[in-house]
Amino acid sequence: MYAWIWRKLPFGTPGKLIGSLLIVTSLLALLWYVVFPWAEPLLPFDDVQVTQEGGVPGDPVDGEPGVDGDDPNLDGESPGDGHDLPYDTDRNNTPPPSPTR
């Protein structure tokens, strides 16, 4: 097929190279501006569903901050979200790098 297209393009080698580039550019533009926008709603890449223990997306879990007014940020407490780091992030505890020789 590609050999047939190459043989049918006019104006010798320079014309064939320019014609090939025009065909490739046209196909890429057709895909980018017509085919991909048409197919995007049909693809499942944006269909993300995160469920809680109840299995219903967006349902709050009992004891979760913000449910029933128990947000620790509103009480002046530290936001203990259960993801506290077991090390200090305020200062760097790593030794200085060894000098290069």
N, C-alpha and C. Protein backbone atom coordinates (compact mmCIF):
# COMPACT_ATOMS: atom_id res chain seq x y z
N MET A 1 0.83 -1.18 0.00
CA MET A 1 0.00 0.00 0.00
C MET A 1 0.88 1.26 0.00
N TYR A 2 1.90 1.28 0.87
CA TYR A 2 2.76 2.46 0.93
C TYR A 2 3.55 2.63 -0.37
N ALA A 3 3.96 1.52 -0.97
CA ALA A 3 4.67 1.58 -2.24
C ALA A 3 3.75 2.13 -3.33
N TRP A 4 2.49 1.74 -3.31
CA TRP A 4 1.53 2.25 -4.29
C TRP A 4 1.35 3.76 -4.12
N ILE A 5 1.22 4.23 -2.87
CA ILE A 5 1.09 5.67 -2.62
C ILE A 5 2.34 6.38 -3.09
N TRP A 6 3.51 5.83 -2.79
CA TRP A 6 4.78 6.46 -3.19
C TRP A 6 4.88 6.57 -4.72
N ARG A 7 4.45 5.53 -5.42
CA ARG A 7 4.49 5.56 -6.89
C ARG A 7 3.51 6.55 -7.47
N LYS A 8 2.37 6.78 -6.83
CA LYS A 8 1.33 7.65 -7.36
C LYS A 8 1.59 9.13 -7.07
N LEU A 9 2.45 9.44 -6.12
CA LEU A 9 2.72 10.84 -5.82
C LEU A 9 3.54 11.47 -6.95
N PRO A 10 3.19 12.69 -7.37
CA PRO A 10 3.85 13.30 -8.53
C PRO A 10 5.13 14.06 -8.17
N PHE A 11 5.81 14.58 -9.17
CA PHE A 11 6.91 15.55 -9.10
C PHE A 11 8.21 14.97 -8.56
N GLY A 12 8.51 13.73 -8.80
CA GLY A 12 9.81 13.16 -8.44
C GLY A 12 9.99 13.02 -6.93
N THR A 13 11.23 12.85 -6.53
CA THR A 13 11.52 12.63 -5.11
C THR A 13 11.15 13.81 -4.23
N PRO A 14 11.46 15.07 -4.60
CA PRO A 14 11.06 16.18 -3.72
C PRO A 14 9.54 16.28 -3.57
N GLY A 15 8.81 16.08 -4.66
CA GLY A 15 7.35 16.12 -4.59
C GLY A 15 6.79 14.98 -3.77
N LYS A 16 7.42 13.82 -3.88
CA LYS A 16 6.96 12.66 -3.11
C LYS A 16 7.20 12.87 -1.61
N LEU A 17 8.34 13.48 -1.25
CA LEU A 17 8.60 13.75 0.17
C LEU A 17 7.61 14.78 0.71
N ILE A 18 7.38 15.86 -0.04
CA ILE A 18 6.44 16.89 0.41
C ILE A 18 5.03 16.32 0.45
N GLY A 19 4.67 15.54 -0.56
CA GLY A 19 3.34 14.91 -0.58
C GLY A 19 3.14 13.96 0.59
N SER A 20 4.18 13.18 0.90
CA SER A 20 4.11 12.25 2.03
C SER A 20 3.91 13.02 3.34
N LEU A 21 4.66 14.10 3.52
CA LEU A 21 4.51 14.92 4.73
C LEU A 21 3.11 15.52 4.82
N LEU A 22 2.57 15.97 3.69
CA LEU A 22 1.21 16.52 3.70
C LEU A 22 0.17 15.46 4.05
N ILE A 23 0.34 14.26 3.53
CA ILE A 23 -0.59 13.17 3.84
C ILE A 23 -0.53 12.82 5.33
N VAL A 24 0.68 12.68 5.86
CA VAL A 24 0.84 12.33 7.28
C VAL A 24 0.28 13.45 8.16
N THR A 25 0.56 14.70 7.82
CA THR A 25 0.05 15.83 8.60
C THR A 25 -1.47 15.89 8.55
N SER A 26 -2.04 15.64 7.38
CA SER A 26 -3.49 15.64 7.24
C SER A 26 -4.14 14.54 8.07
N LEU A 27 -3.54 13.36 8.04
CA LEU A 27 -4.09 12.26 8.84
C LEU A 27 -4.00 12.55 10.33
N LEU A 28 -2.86 13.10 10.77
CA LEU A 28 -2.72 13.43 12.19
C LEU A 28 -3.72 14.51 12.60
N ALA A 29 -3.93 15.52 11.76
CA ALA A 29 -4.90 16.57 12.07
C ALA A 29 -6.31 16.00 12.12
N LEU A 30 -6.64 15.10 11.20
CA LEU A 30 -7.95 14.46 11.20
C LEU A 30 -8.17 13.67 12.49
N LEU A 31 -7.16 12.91 12.90
CA LEU A 31 -7.27 12.15 14.15
C LEU A 31 -7.41 13.08 15.35
N TRP A 32 -6.54 14.11 15.42
CA TRP A 32 -6.48 14.99 16.59
C TRP A 32 -7.74 15.82 16.76
N TYR A 33 -8.28 16.37 15.65
CA TYR A 33 -9.39 17.31 15.75
C TYR A 33 -10.76 16.70 15.49
N VAL A 34 -10.83 15.48 14.92
CA VAL A 34 -12.13 14.90 14.61
C VAL A 34 -12.34 13.58 15.35
N VAL A 35 -11.44 12.62 15.14
CA VAL A 35 -11.66 11.27 15.66
C VAL A 35 -11.50 11.22 17.17
N PHE A 36 -10.42 11.77 17.71
CA PHE A 36 -10.19 11.70 19.15
C PHE A 36 -11.26 12.44 19.95
N PRO A 37 -11.66 13.67 19.57
CA PRO A 37 -12.75 14.32 20.32
C PRO A 37 -14.06 13.55 20.24
N TRP A 38 -14.32 12.89 19.12
CA TRP A 38 -15.54 12.10 19.01
C TRP A 38 -15.47 10.87 19.93
N ALA A 39 -14.31 10.24 20.01
CA ALA A 39 -14.17 8.99 20.77
C ALA A 39 -13.97 9.21 22.26
N GLU A 40 -13.58 10.42 22.69
CA GLU A 40 -13.26 10.65 24.10
C GLU A 40 -14.41 10.32 25.05
N PRO A 41 -15.65 10.72 24.78
CA PRO A 41 -16.72 10.37 25.72
C PRO A 41 -16.99 8.87 25.80
N LEU A 42 -16.58 8.13 24.80
CA LEU A 42 -16.82 6.68 24.80
C LEU A 42 -15.76 5.91 25.58
N LEU A 43 -14.64 6.55 25.90
CA LEU A 43 -13.54 5.87 26.59
C LEU A 43 -13.71 6.01 28.11
N PRO A 44 -13.31 5.01 28.88
CA PRO A 44 -13.57 5.01 30.32
C PRO A 44 -12.48 5.66 31.17
N PHE A 45 -11.59 6.48 30.59
CA PHE A 45 -10.47 7.00 31.35
C PHE A 45 -10.89 7.97 32.45
N ASP A 46 -11.98 8.70 32.29
CA ASP A 46 -12.43 9.66 33.30
C ASP A 46 -13.52 9.11 34.20
N ASP A 47 -13.87 7.84 34.05
CA ASP A 47 -14.95 7.24 34.82
C ASP A 47 -14.38 6.59 36.08
N VAL A 48 -13.98 7.44 37.04
CA VAL A 48 -13.36 6.96 38.27
C VAL A 48 -14.42 6.98 39.36
N GLN A 49 -14.59 5.85 40.04
CA GLN A 49 -15.56 5.76 41.12
C GLN A 49 -14.84 5.26 42.37
N VAL A 50 -14.82 6.10 43.39
CA VAL A 50 -14.23 5.74 44.66
C VAL A 50 -15.37 5.50 45.63
N THR A 51 -15.38 4.32 46.23
CA THR A 51 -16.48 4.00 47.15
C THR A 51 -15.93 3.84 48.57
N GLN A 52 -16.79 4.10 49.53
CA GLN A 52 -16.46 3.91 50.93
C GLN A 52 -16.89 2.50 51.33
N GLU A 53 -16.88 2.21 52.63
CA GLU A 53 -17.24 0.89 53.11
C GLU A 53 -18.67 0.52 52.74
N GLY A 54 -19.55 1.51 52.67
CA GLY A 54 -20.94 1.25 52.33
C GLY A 54 -21.12 0.89 50.87
N GLY A 55 -20.14 1.18 50.04
CA GLY A 55 -20.23 0.84 48.65
C GLY A 55 -20.87 1.91 47.79
N VAL A 56 -21.32 3.01 48.39
CA VAL A 56 -21.96 4.07 47.63
C VAL A 56 -20.97 5.22 47.49
N PRO A 57 -20.70 5.67 46.27
CA PRO A 57 -19.74 6.77 46.10
C PRO A 57 -20.20 8.03 46.83
N GLY A 58 -19.30 8.62 47.61
CA GLY A 58 -19.59 9.87 48.28
C GLY A 58 -20.24 9.74 49.64
N ASP A 59 -20.59 8.53 50.05
CA ASP A 59 -21.18 8.36 51.38
C ASP A 59 -20.12 8.56 52.45
N PRO A 60 -20.39 9.38 53.46
CA PRO A 60 -19.41 9.56 54.53
C PRO A 60 -19.35 8.33 55.43
N VAL A 61 -18.20 8.12 56.03
CA VAL A 61 -17.99 7.03 56.97
C VAL A 61 -18.09 7.61 58.38
N ASP A 62 -18.72 6.88 59.31
CA ASP A 62 -18.83 7.36 60.70
C ASP A 62 -17.47 7.60 61.30
N GLY A 63 -17.31 8.72 62.01
CA GLY A 63 -16.05 9.07 62.63
C GLY A 63 -15.11 9.80 61.68
N GLU A 64 -15.51 10.01 60.47
CA GLU A 64 -14.68 10.74 59.51
C GLU A 64 -14.75 12.22 59.82
N PRO A 65 -13.61 12.93 59.78
CA PRO A 65 -13.66 14.37 60.06
C PRO A 65 -14.61 15.08 59.10
N GLY A 66 -15.38 16.00 59.66
CA GLY A 66 -16.33 16.75 58.86
C GLY A 66 -17.73 16.19 58.92
N VAL A 67 -17.90 14.99 59.50
CA VAL A 67 -19.22 14.40 59.63
C VAL A 67 -19.76 14.74 61.01
N ASP A 68 -20.97 15.21 61.07
CA ASP A 68 -21.64 15.57 62.31
C ASP A 68 -20.89 16.65 63.08
N GLY A 69 -20.18 17.51 62.40
CA GLY A 69 -19.52 18.64 63.04
C GLY A 69 -18.31 18.29 63.86
N ASP A 70 -17.71 17.14 63.66
CA ASP A 70 -16.55 16.77 64.46
C ASP A 70 -15.25 17.02 63.70
N ASP A 71 -15.19 18.11 62.99
CA ASP A 71 -13.98 18.47 62.26
C ASP A 71 -12.94 18.98 63.25
N PRO A 72 -11.77 18.31 63.38
CA PRO A 72 -10.78 18.75 64.36
C PRO A 72 -10.18 20.11 64.03
N ASN A 73 -10.24 20.53 62.80
CA ASN A 73 -9.71 21.84 62.45
C ASN A 73 -10.56 22.96 63.02
N LEU A 74 -11.83 22.70 63.22
CA LEU A 74 -12.71 23.73 63.77
C LEU A 74 -12.58 23.83 65.28
N ASP A 75 -12.14 22.78 65.94
CA ASP A 75 -12.00 22.77 67.40
C ASP A 75 -10.67 23.32 67.85
N GLY A 76 -9.76 23.65 66.96
CA GLY A 76 -8.46 24.14 67.33
C GLY A 76 -7.47 23.03 67.60
N GLU A 77 -7.85 21.81 67.35
CA GLU A 77 -6.94 20.68 67.55
C GLU A 77 -6.10 20.48 66.30
N SER A 78 -5.06 19.68 66.46
CA SER A 78 -4.26 19.36 65.28
C SER A 78 -5.04 18.37 64.42
N PRO A 79 -4.87 18.46 63.12
CA PRO A 79 -5.64 17.58 62.24
C PRO A 79 -5.08 16.17 62.23
N GLY A 80 -5.36 15.36 63.24
CA GLY A 80 -4.88 13.98 63.30
C GLY A 80 -5.71 13.12 62.36
N ASP A 81 -5.27 13.01 61.15
CA ASP A 81 -6.05 12.27 60.17
C ASP A 81 -5.64 10.80 60.09
N GLY A 82 -4.82 10.34 61.00
CA GLY A 82 -4.39 8.95 60.97
C GLY A 82 -3.23 8.72 60.01
N HIS A 83 -2.74 9.78 59.43
CA HIS A 83 -1.64 9.66 58.49
C HIS A 83 -0.44 10.47 58.98
N ASP A 84 -0.24 10.49 60.27
CA ASP A 84 0.89 11.23 60.82
C ASP A 84 2.18 10.53 60.47
N LEU A 85 3.19 11.30 60.16
CA LEU A 85 4.49 10.74 59.81
C LEU A 85 5.26 10.40 61.08
N PRO A 86 5.96 9.27 61.09
CA PRO A 86 6.68 8.86 62.29
C PRO A 86 8.03 9.54 62.44
N TYR A 87 8.28 10.59 61.70
CA TYR A 87 9.55 11.30 61.78
C TYR A 87 9.30 12.79 61.63
N ASP A 88 10.30 13.58 62.00
CA ASP A 88 10.19 15.02 61.97
C ASP A 88 10.51 15.54 60.58
N THR A 89 9.62 16.34 60.02
CA THR A 89 9.86 16.90 58.70
C THR A 89 10.29 18.35 58.75
N ASP A 90 10.39 18.92 59.96
CA ASP A 90 10.77 20.32 60.08
C ASP A 90 12.26 20.54 59.89
N ARG A 91 13.06 19.53 60.18
CA ARG A 91 14.50 19.69 60.01
C ARG A 91 15.04 18.44 59.34
N ASN A 92 16.14 18.59 58.71
CA ASN A 92 16.76 17.50 57.97
C ASN A 92 17.73 16.76 58.87
N ASN A 93 17.50 15.50 59.11
CA ASN A 93 18.35 14.70 60.01
C ASN A 93 19.40 13.90 59.25
N THR A 94 19.53 14.09 57.98
CA THR A 94 20.52 13.33 57.24
C THR A 94 21.90 13.96 57.40
N PRO A 95 22.94 13.16 57.42
CA PRO A 95 24.29 13.71 57.54
C PRO A 95 24.66 14.46 56.27
N PRO A 96 25.56 15.41 56.37
CA PRO A 96 25.97 16.14 55.18
C PRO A 96 26.69 15.20 54.20
N PRO A 97 26.63 15.49 52.93
CA PRO A 97 27.26 14.59 51.96
C PRO A 97 28.78 14.64 52.11
N SER A 98 29.40 13.50 51.82
CA SER A 98 30.85 13.43 51.93
C SER A 98 31.48 14.25 50.80
N PRO A 99 32.61 14.88 51.08
CA PRO A 99 33.23 15.70 50.02
C PRO A 99 33.77 14.80 48.90
N THR A 100 33.70 15.33 47.70
CA THR A 100 34.23 14.58 46.56
C THR A 100 35.72 14.81 46.45
N ARG A 101 36.40 13.84 45.97
CA ARG A 101 37.86 13.94 45.91
C ARG A 101 38.31 14.31 44.53
